[in-house]
Amino acid sequence: MKKAMLLLLLLNLGACESLYEDDGIPRIRSQRDVDAYNATVSSESEKLVCTRERPLGSRIPQWFCMTVAQRDRLALEAREELTGSGLR
């Protein structure tokens, strides 16, 4: 009985994920997907850096991705906020 319940739960989780629209952009589901995307990009700053994180209030990890340029920009903005040079 427990195995049947677990199987139903897993099937429901898989069905729920298919409800989300991808707007023509494939979802990142593994490091292999990240590597495949990065192989198609020529500029280092356009490569994806992805981490698997659990959103607040959830135990289900999700992929959070940004380009190298986006990550560098966020780091710069954070440093500016900490040093006070980002104040206007």
PDB file of N, CA and C in Angstrom:
ATOM      1  N   MET A   1       0.824  -1.192   0.000  1.00  0.00           N
ATOM      2  CA  MET A   1       0.000   0.000   0.000  1.00  0.00           C
ATOM      3  C   MET A   1       0.874   1.264   0.000  1.00  0.00           C
ATOM      4  N   LYS A   2       1.945   1.244   0.806  1.00  0.00           N
ATOM      5  CA  LYS A   2       2.829   2.412   0.866  1.00  0.00           C
ATOM      6  C   LYS A   2       3.498   2.668  -0.481  1.00  0.00           C
ATOM      7  N   LYS A   3       3.878   1.601  -1.168  1.00  0.00           N
ATOM      8  CA  LYS A   3       4.517   1.761  -2.472  1.00  0.00           C
ATOM      9  C   LYS A   3       3.547   2.375  -3.480  1.00  0.00           C
ATOM     10  N   ALA A   4       2.286   1.967  -3.422  1.00  0.00           N
ATOM     11  CA  ALA A   4       1.288   2.518  -4.333  1.00  0.00           C
ATOM     12  C   ALA A   4       1.070   4.000  -4.058  1.00  0.00           C
ATOM     13  N   MET A   5       1.028   4.380  -2.789  1.00  0.00           N
ATOM     14  CA  MET A   5       0.844   5.790  -2.424  1.00  0.00           C
ATOM     15  C   MET A   5       2.043   6.616  -2.894  1.00  0.00           C
ATOM     16  N   LEU A   6       3.241   6.086  -2.711  1.00  0.00           N
ATOM     17  CA  LEU A   6       4.446   6.786  -3.138  1.00  0.00           C
ATOM     18  C   LEU A   6       4.453   6.958  -4.654  1.00  0.00           C
ATOM     19  N   LEU A   7       4.063   5.927  -5.374  1.00  0.00           N
ATOM     20  CA  LEU A   7       4.008   6.006  -6.830  1.00  0.00           C
ATOM     21  C   LEU A   7       3.005   7.065  -7.281  1.00  0.00           C
ATOM     22  N   LEU A   8       1.846   7.124  -6.647  1.00  0.00           N
ATOM     23  CA  LEU A   8       0.848   8.135  -6.985  1.00  0.00           C
ATOM     24  C   LEU A   8       1.376   9.544  -6.702  1.00  0.00           C
ATOM     25  N   LEU A   9       2.074   9.716  -5.595  1.00  0.00           N
ATOM     26  CA  LEU A   9       2.639  11.013  -5.256  1.00  0.00           C
ATOM     27  C   LEU A   9       3.656  11.454  -6.305  1.00  0.00           C
ATOM     28  N   LEU A  10       4.524  10.544  -6.701  1.00  0.00           N
ATOM     29  CA  LEU A  10       5.535  10.876  -7.708  1.00  0.00           C
ATOM     30  C   LEU A  10       4.898  11.201  -9.049  1.00  0.00           C
ATOM     31  N   LEU A  11       3.868  10.478  -9.416  1.00  0.00           N
ATOM     32  CA  LEU A  11       3.178  10.767 -10.674  1.00  0.00           C
ATOM     33  C   LEU A  11       2.508  12.135 -10.623  1.00  0.00           C
ATOM     34  N   ASN A  12       1.940  12.494  -9.489  1.00  0.00           N
ATOM     35  CA  ASN A  12       1.315  13.809  -9.337  1.00  0.00           C
ATOM     36  C   ASN A  12       2.338  14.926  -9.423  1.00  0.00           C
ATOM     37  N   LEU A  13       3.489  14.736  -8.822  1.00  0.00           N
ATOM     38  CA  LEU A  13       4.529  15.765  -8.888  1.00  0.00           C
ATOM     39  C   LEU A  13       4.994  15.970 -10.318  1.00  0.00           C
ATOM     40  N   GLY A  14       5.144  14.904 -11.062  1.00  0.00           N
ATOM     41  CA  GLY A  14       5.548  15.021 -12.459  1.00  0.00           C
ATOM     42  C   GLY A  14       4.485  15.697 -13.297  1.00  0.00           C
ATOM     43  N   ALA A  15       3.232  15.406 -13.019  1.00  0.00           N
ATOM     44  CA  ALA A  15       2.135  16.026 -13.765  1.00  0.00           C
ATOM     45  C   ALA A  15       2.032  17.506 -13.449  1.00  0.00           C
ATOM     46  N   CYS A  16       2.282  17.887 -12.214  1.00  0.00           N
ATOM     47  CA  CYS A  16       2.207  19.298 -11.828  1.00  0.00           C
ATOM     48  C   CYS A  16       3.249  20.122 -12.563  1.00  0.00           C
ATOM     49  N   GLU A  17       4.435  19.576 -12.733  1.00  0.00           N
ATOM     50  CA  GLU A  17       5.488  20.334 -13.395  1.00  0.00           C
ATOM     51  C   GLU A  17       5.161  20.577 -14.858  1.00  0.00           C
ATOM     52  N   SER A  18       4.422  19.664 -15.476  1.00  0.00           N
ATOM     53  CA  SER A  18       4.098  19.843 -16.881  1.00  0.00           C
ATOM     54  C   SER A  18       3.035  20.919 -17.090  1.00  0.00           C
ATOM     55  N   LEU A  19       2.417  21.425 -16.024  1.00  0.00           N
ATOM     56  CA  LEU A  19       1.402  22.467 -16.138  1.00  0.00           C
ATOM     57  C   LEU A  19       2.012  23.824 -16.447  1.00  0.00           C
ATOM     58  N   TYR A  20       3.270  24.027 -16.100  1.00  0.00           N
ATOM     59  CA  TYR A  20       3.906  25.317 -16.292  1.00  0.00           C
ATOM     60  C   TYR A  20       4.284  25.516 -17.746  1.00  0.00           C
ATOM     61  N   GLU A  21       3.988  26.680 -18.266  1.00  0.00           N
ATOM     62  CA  GLU A  21       4.356  26.999 -19.639  1.00  0.00           C
ATOM     63  C   GLU A  21       5.822  27.397 -19.687  1.00  0.00           C
ATOM     64  N   ASP A  22       6.474  27.052 -20.777  1.00  0.00           N
ATOM     65  CA  ASP A  22       7.891  27.385 -20.892  1.00  0.00           C
ATOM     66  C   ASP A  22       8.142  28.527 -21.865  1.00  0.00           C
ATOM     67  N   ASP A  23       7.106  29.068 -22.493  1.00  0.00           N
ATOM     68  CA  ASP A  23       7.234  30.192 -23.416  1.00  0.00           C
ATOM     69  C   ASP A  23       8.268  29.937 -24.507  1.00  0.00           C
ATOM     70  N   GLY A  24       8.412  28.698 -24.909  1.00  0.00           N
ATOM     71  CA  GLY A  24       9.346  28.366 -25.974  1.00  0.00           C
ATOM     72  C   GLY A  24      10.782  28.228 -25.511  1.00  0.00           C
ATOM     73  N   ILE A  25      11.034  28.448 -24.233  1.00  0.00           N
ATOM     74  CA  ILE A  25      12.386  28.324 -23.678  1.00  0.00           C
ATOM     75  C   ILE A  25      12.437  27.024 -22.882  1.00  0.00           C
ATOM     76  N   PRO A  26      13.333  26.107 -23.250  1.00  0.00           N
ATOM     77  CA  PRO A  26      13.386  24.843 -22.516  1.00  0.00           C
ATOM     78  C   PRO A  26      13.826  25.054 -21.072  1.00  0.00           C
ATOM     79  N   ARG A  27      13.270  24.267 -20.186  1.00  0.00           N
ATOM     80  CA  ARG A  27      13.606  24.369 -18.769  1.00  0.00           C
ATOM     81  C   ARG A  27      14.924  23.648 -18.495  1.00  0.00           C
ATOM     82  N   ILE A  28      15.658  24.166 -17.553  1.00  0.00           N
ATOM     83  CA  ILE A  28      16.893  23.526 -17.108  1.00  0.00           C
ATOM     84  C   ILE A  28      16.500  22.468 -16.084  1.00  0.00           C
ATOM     85  N   ARG A  29      16.838  21.232 -16.367  1.00  0.00           N
ATOM     86  CA  ARG A  29      16.472  20.140 -15.469  1.00  0.00           C
ATOM     87  C   ARG A  29      17.689  19.397 -14.918  1.00  0.00           C
ATOM     88  N   SER A  30      18.870  19.679 -15.464  1.00  0.00           N
ATOM     89  CA  SER A  30      20.067  18.986 -14.995  1.00  0.00           C
ATOM     90  C   SER A  30      21.306  19.779 -15.403  1.00  0.00           C
ATOM     91  N   GLN A  31      22.424  19.391 -14.835  1.00  0.00           N
ATOM     92  CA  GLN A  31      23.685  20.032 -15.203  1.00  0.00           C
ATOM     93  C   GLN A  31      23.999  19.759 -16.668  1.00  0.00           C
ATOM     94  N   ARG A  32      23.539  18.632 -17.177  1.00  0.00           N
ATOM     95  CA  ARG A  32      23.734  18.303 -18.589  1.00  0.00           C
ATOM     96  C   ARG A  32      23.053  19.345 -19.480  1.00  0.00           C
ATOM     97  N   ASP A  33      21.859  19.816 -19.080  1.00  0.00           N
ATOM     98  CA  ASP A  33      21.164  20.862 -19.839  1.00  0.00           C
ATOM     99  C   ASP A  33      21.967  22.164 -19.832  1.00  0.00           C
ATOM    100  N   VAL A  34      22.555  22.491 -18.686  1.00  0.00           N
ATOM    101  CA  VAL A  34      23.373  23.703 -18.570  1.00  0.00           C
ATOM    102  C   VAL A  34      24.589  23.590 -19.482  1.00  0.00           C
ATOM    103  N   ASP A  35      25.250  22.444 -19.443  1.00  0.00           N
ATOM    104  CA  ASP A  35      26.438  22.237 -20.274  1.00  0.00           C
ATOM    105  C   ASP A  35      26.094  22.297 -21.764  1.00  0.00           C
ATOM    106  N   ALA A  36      24.941  21.735 -22.136  1.00  0.00           N
ATOM    107  CA  ALA A  36      24.526  21.760 -23.542  1.00  0.00           C
ATOM    108  C   ALA A  36      24.265  23.190 -23.992  1.00  0.00           C
ATOM    109  N   TYR A  37      23.621  23.988 -23.145  1.00  0.00           N
ATOM    110  CA  TYR A  37      23.377  25.391 -23.497  1.00  0.00           C
ATOM    111  C   TYR A  37      24.695  26.142 -23.621  1.00  0.00           C
ATOM    112  N   ASN A  38      25.570  25.967 -22.641  1.00  0.00           N
ATOM    113  CA  ASN A  38      26.845  26.697 -22.640  1.00  0.00           C
ATOM    114  C   ASN A  38      27.713  26.331 -23.844  1.00  0.00           C
ATOM    115  N   ALA A  39      27.534  25.135 -24.391  1.00  0.00           N
ATOM    116  CA  ALA A  39      28.294  24.734 -25.577  1.00  0.00           C
ATOM    117  C   ALA A  39      27.850  25.528 -26.807  1.00  0.00           C
ATOM    118  N   THR A  40      26.650  26.098 -26.780  1.00  0.00           N
ATOM    119  CA  THR A  40      26.136  26.854 -27.929  1.00  0.00           C
ATOM    120  C   THR A  40      26.450  28.335 -27.846  1.00  0.00           C
ATOM    121  N   VAL A  41      26.993  28.792 -26.719  1.00  0.00           N
ATOM    122  CA  VAL A  41      27.252  30.213 -26.491  1.00  0.00           C
ATOM    123  C   VAL A  41      28.730  30.495 -26.704  1.00  0.00           C
ATOM    124  N   SER A  42      29.028  31.551 -27.460  1.00  0.00           N
ATOM    125  CA  SER A  42      30.435  31.850 -27.745  1.00  0.00           C
ATOM    126  C   SER A  42      31.050  32.790 -26.716  1.00  0.00           C
ATOM    127  N   SER A  43      30.278  33.699 -26.157  1.00  0.00           N
ATOM    128  CA  SER A  43      30.799  34.666 -25.201  1.00  0.00           C
ATOM    129  C   SER A  43      30.766  34.096 -23.783  1.00  0.00           C
ATOM    130  N   GLU A  44      31.862  34.282 -23.077  1.00  0.00           N
ATOM    131  CA  GLU A  44      31.958  33.783 -21.700  1.00  0.00           C
ATOM    132  C   GLU A  44      30.907  34.428 -20.799  1.00  0.00           C
ATOM    133  N   SER A  45      30.594  35.696 -21.038  1.00  0.00           N
ATOM    134  CA  SER A  45      29.641  36.406 -20.180  1.00  0.00           C
ATOM    135  C   SER A  45      28.201  35.950 -20.403  1.00  0.00           C
ATOM    136  N   GLU A  46      27.926  35.236 -21.489  1.00  0.00           N
ATOM    137  CA  GLU A  46      26.579  34.749 -21.772  1.00  0.00           C
ATOM    138  C   GLU A  46      26.346  33.329 -21.269  1.00  0.00           C
ATOM    139  N   LYS A  47      27.371  32.698 -20.727  1.00  0.00           N
ATOM    140  CA  LYS A  47      27.224  31.330 -20.232  1.00  0.00           C
ATOM    141  C   LYS A  47      26.383  31.317 -18.969  1.00  0.00           C
ATOM    142  N   LEU A  48      25.623  30.239 -18.797  1.00  0.00           N
ATOM    143  CA  LEU A  48      24.754  30.100 -17.635  1.00  0.00           C
ATOM    144  C   LEU A  48      25.512  29.518 -16.454  1.00  0.00           C
ATOM    145  N   VAL A  49      25.191  30.038 -15.284  1.00  0.00           N
ATOM    146  CA  VAL A  49      25.650  29.473 -14.024  1.00  0.00           C
ATOM    147  C   VAL A  49      24.379  29.129 -13.264  1.00  0.00           C
ATOM    148  N   CYS A  50      24.191  27.846 -12.966  1.00  0.00           N
ATOM    149  CA  CYS A  50      22.950  27.407 -12.326  1.00  0.00           C
ATOM    150  C   CYS A  50      23.251  26.727 -10.997  1.00  0.00           C
ATOM    151  N   THR A  51      22.365  26.956 -10.042  1.00  0.00           N
ATOM    152  CA  THR A  51      22.438  26.278  -8.759  1.00  0.00           C
ATOM    153  C   THR A  51      21.080  25.667  -8.472  1.00  0.00           C
ATOM    154  N   ARG A  52      21.089  24.593  -7.752  1.00  0.00           N
ATOM    155  CA  ARG A  52      19.847  23.933  -7.374  1.00  0.00           C
ATOM    156  C   ARG A  52      19.567  24.341  -5.935  1.00  0.00           C
ATOM    157  N   GLU A  53      18.473  25.075  -5.738  1.00  0.00           N
ATOM    158  CA  GLU A  53      18.142  25.624  -4.424  1.00  0.00           C
ATOM    159  C   GLU A  53      16.703  25.303  -4.068  1.00  0.00           C
ATOM    160  N   ARG A  54      16.449  25.281  -2.781  1.00  0.00           N
ATOM    161  CA  ARG A  54      15.082  25.105  -2.304  1.00  0.00           C
ATOM    162  C   ARG A  54      14.475  26.469  -2.026  1.00  0.00           C
ATOM    163  N   PRO A  55      13.372  26.792  -2.713  1.00  0.00           N
ATOM    164  CA  PRO A  55      12.714  28.071  -2.422  1.00  0.00           C
ATOM    165  C   PRO A  55      12.189  28.087  -0.989  1.00  0.00           C
ATOM    166  N   LEU A  56      12.086  29.263  -0.420  1.00  0.00           N
ATOM    167  CA  LEU A  56      11.582  29.406   0.938  1.00  0.00           C
ATOM    168  C   LEU A  56      10.186  28.805   1.031  1.00  0.00           C
ATOM    169  N   GLY A  57       9.982  27.931   1.998  1.00  0.00           N
ATOM    170  CA  GLY A  57       8.684  27.311   2.194  1.00  0.00           C
ATOM    171  C   GLY A  57       8.459  26.064   1.379  1.00  0.00           C
ATOM    172  N   SER A  58       9.496  25.560   0.721  1.00  0.00           N
ATOM    173  CA  SER A  58       9.349  24.362  -0.101  1.00  0.00           C
ATOM    174  C   SER A  58      10.517  23.425   0.149  1.00  0.00           C
ATOM    175  N   ARG A  59      10.258  22.160   0.009  1.00  0.00           N
ATOM    176  CA  ARG A  59      11.332  21.163   0.110  1.00  0.00           C
ATOM    177  C   ARG A  59      11.756  20.664  -1.259  1.00  0.00           C
ATOM    178  N   ILE A  60      11.098  21.165  -2.282  1.00  0.00           N
ATOM    179  CA  ILE A  60      11.394  20.718  -3.642  1.00  0.00           C
ATOM    180  C   ILE A  60      12.408  21.667  -4.270  1.00  0.00           C
ATOM    181  N   PRO A  61      13.626  21.205  -4.506  1.00  0.00           N
ATOM    182  CA  PRO A  61      14.635  22.088  -5.089  1.00  0.00           C
ATOM    183  C   PRO A  61      14.308  22.449  -6.537  1.00  0.00           C
ATOM    184  N   GLN A  62      14.698  23.641  -6.924  1.00  0.00           N
ATOM    185  CA  GLN A  62      14.511  24.123  -8.279  1.00  0.00           C
ATOM    186  C   GLN A  62      15.838  24.667  -8.786  1.00  0.00           C
ATOM    187  N   TRP A  63      15.968  24.739 -10.103  1.00  0.00           N
ATOM    188  CA  TRP A  63      17.156  25.324 -10.706  1.00  0.00           C
ATOM    189  C   TRP A  63      16.984  26.830 -10.778  1.00  0.00           C
ATOM    190  N   PHE A  64      17.985  27.561 -10.330  1.00  0.00           N
ATOM    191  CA  PHE A  64      18.032  29.010 -10.458  1.00  0.00           C
ATOM    192  C   PHE A  64      19.263  29.334 -11.292  1.00  0.00           C
ATOM    193  N   CYS A  65      19.018  29.964 -12.425  1.00  0.00           N
ATOM    194  CA  CYS A  65      20.104  30.214 -13.371  1.00  0.00           C
ATOM    195  C   CYS A  65      20.217  31.699 -13.703  1.00  0.00           C
ATOM    196  N   MET A  66      21.443  32.125 -13.955  1.00  0.00           N
ATOM    197  CA  MET A  66      21.706  33.464 -14.466  1.00  0.00           C
ATOM    198  C   MET A  66      22.988  33.397 -15.270  1.00  0.00           C
ATOM    199  N   THR A  67      23.168  34.373 -16.126  1.00  0.00           N
ATOM    200  CA  THR A  67      24.391  34.401 -16.921  1.00  0.00           C
ATOM    201  C   THR A  67      25.545  34.895 -16.055  1.00  0.00           C
ATOM    202  N   VAL A  68      26.748  34.676 -16.529  1.00  0.00           N
ATOM    203  CA  VAL A  68      27.936  35.162 -15.829  1.00  0.00           C
ATOM    204  C   VAL A  68      27.865  36.682 -15.685  1.00  0.00           C
ATOM    205  N   ALA A  69      27.417  37.369 -16.744  1.00  0.00           N
ATOM    206  CA  ALA A  69      27.307  38.834 -16.699  1.00  0.00           C
ATOM    207  C   ALA A  69      26.290  39.276 -15.648  1.00  0.00           C
ATOM    208  N   GLN A  70      25.160  38.596 -15.550  1.00  0.00           N
ATOM    209  CA  GLN A  70      24.160  38.942 -14.540  1.00  0.00           C
ATOM    210  C   GLN A  70      24.711  38.718 -13.138  1.00  0.00           C
ATOM    211  N   ARG A  71      25.414  37.611 -12.949  1.00  0.00           N
ATOM    212  CA  ARG A  71      25.982  37.306 -11.633  1.00  0.00           C
ATOM    213  C   ARG A  71      27.027  38.348 -11.240  1.00  0.00           C
ATOM    214  N   ASP A  72      27.878  38.736 -12.190  1.00  0.00           N
ATOM    215  CA  ASP A  72      28.888  39.750 -11.907  1.00  0.00           C
ATOM    216  C   ASP A  72      28.250  41.095 -11.571  1.00  0.00           C
ATOM    217  N   ARG A  73      27.187  41.444 -12.287  1.00  0.00           N
ATOM    218  CA  ARG A  73      26.489  42.712 -12.040  1.00  0.00           C
ATOM    219  C   ARG A  73      25.851  42.725 -10.647  1.00  0.00           C
ATOM    220  N   LEU A  74      25.223  41.608 -10.256  1.00  0.00           N
ATOM    221  CA  LEU A  74      24.634  41.526  -8.922  1.00  0.00           C
ATOM    222  C   LEU A  74      25.704  41.630  -7.836  1.00  0.00           C
ATOM    223  N   ALA A  75      26.845  41.003  -8.066  1.00  0.00           N
ATOM    224  CA  ALA A  75      27.939  41.072  -7.092  1.00  0.00           C
ATOM    225  C   ALA A  75      28.454  42.504  -6.966  1.00  0.00           C
ATOM    226  N   LEU A  76      28.585  43.197  -8.093  1.00  0.00           N
ATOM    227  CA  LEU A  76      29.038  44.585  -8.074  1.00  0.00           C
ATOM    228  C   LEU A  76      28.043  45.473  -7.329  1.00  0.00           C
ATOM    229  N   GLU A  77      26.754  45.295  -7.614  1.00  0.00           N
ATOM    230  CA  GLU A  77      25.732  46.087  -6.931  1.00  0.00           C
ATOM    231  C   GLU A  77      25.727  45.817  -5.434  1.00  0.00           C
ATOM    232  N   ALA A  78      25.931  44.572  -5.041  1.00  0.00           N
ATOM    233  CA  ALA A  78      25.972  44.233  -3.614  1.00  0.00           C
ATOM    234  C   ALA A  78      27.176  44.882  -2.941  1.00  0.00           C
ATOM    235  N   ARG A  79      28.338  44.858  -3.627  1.00  0.00           N
ATOM    236  CA  ARG A  79      29.531  45.505  -3.058  1.00  0.00           C
ATOM    237  C   ARG A  79      29.306  47.005  -2.906  1.00  0.00           C
ATOM    238  N   GLU A  80      28.669  47.615  -3.912  1.00  0.00           N
ATOM    239  CA  GLU A  80      28.402  49.057  -3.837  1.00  0.00           C
ATOM    240  C   GLU A  80      27.457  49.386  -2.691  1.00  0.00           C
ATOM    241  N   GLU A  81      26.471  48.532  -2.469  1.00  0.00           N
ATOM    242  CA  GLU A  81      25.544  48.747  -1.354  1.00  0.00           C
ATOM    243  C   GLU A  81      26.271  48.651  -0.018  1.00  0.00           C
ATOM    244  N   LEU A  82      27.168  47.697   0.097  1.00  0.00           N
ATOM    245  CA  LEU A  82      27.897  47.504   1.360  1.00  0.00           C
ATOM    246  C   LEU A  82      28.880  48.632   1.646  1.00  0.00           C
ATOM    247  N   THR A  83      29.509  49.156   0.588  1.00  0.00           N
ATOM    248  CA  THR A  83      30.495  50.208   0.807  1.00  0.00           C
ATOM    249  C   THR A  83      29.866  51.584   0.871  1.00  0.00           C
ATOM    250  N   GLY A  84      28.587  51.688   0.499  1.00  0.00           N
ATOM    251  CA  GLY A  84      27.914  52.968   0.570  1.00  0.00           C
ATOM    252  C   GLY A  84      28.023  53.789  -0.691  1.00  0.00           C
ATOM    253  N   SER A  85      28.789  53.306  -1.684  1.00  0.00           N
ATOM    254  CA  SER A  85      28.924  54.078  -2.907  1.00  0.00           C
ATOM    255  C   SER A  85      27.690  53.943  -3.787  1.00  0.00           C
ATOM    256  N   GLY A  86      26.800  53.018  -3.442  1.00  0.00           N
ATOM    257  CA  GLY A  86      25.585  52.854  -4.223  1.00  0.00           C
ATOM    258  C   GLY A  86      24.460  53.760  -3.773  1.00  0.00           C
ATOM    259  N   LEU A  87      24.719  54.572  -2.717  1.00  0.00           N
ATOM    260  CA  LEU A  87      23.681  55.491  -2.226  1.00  0.00           C
ATOM    261  C   LEU A  87      23.525  56.670  -3.143  1.00  0.00           C
ATOM    262  N   ARG A  88      22.304  57.102  -3.305  1.00  0.00           N
ATOM    263  CA  ARG A  88      22.049  58.242  -4.186  1.00  0.00           C
ATOM    264  C   ARG A  88      21.308  59.301  -3.433  1.00  0.00           C
TER     265      ARG A  88
END
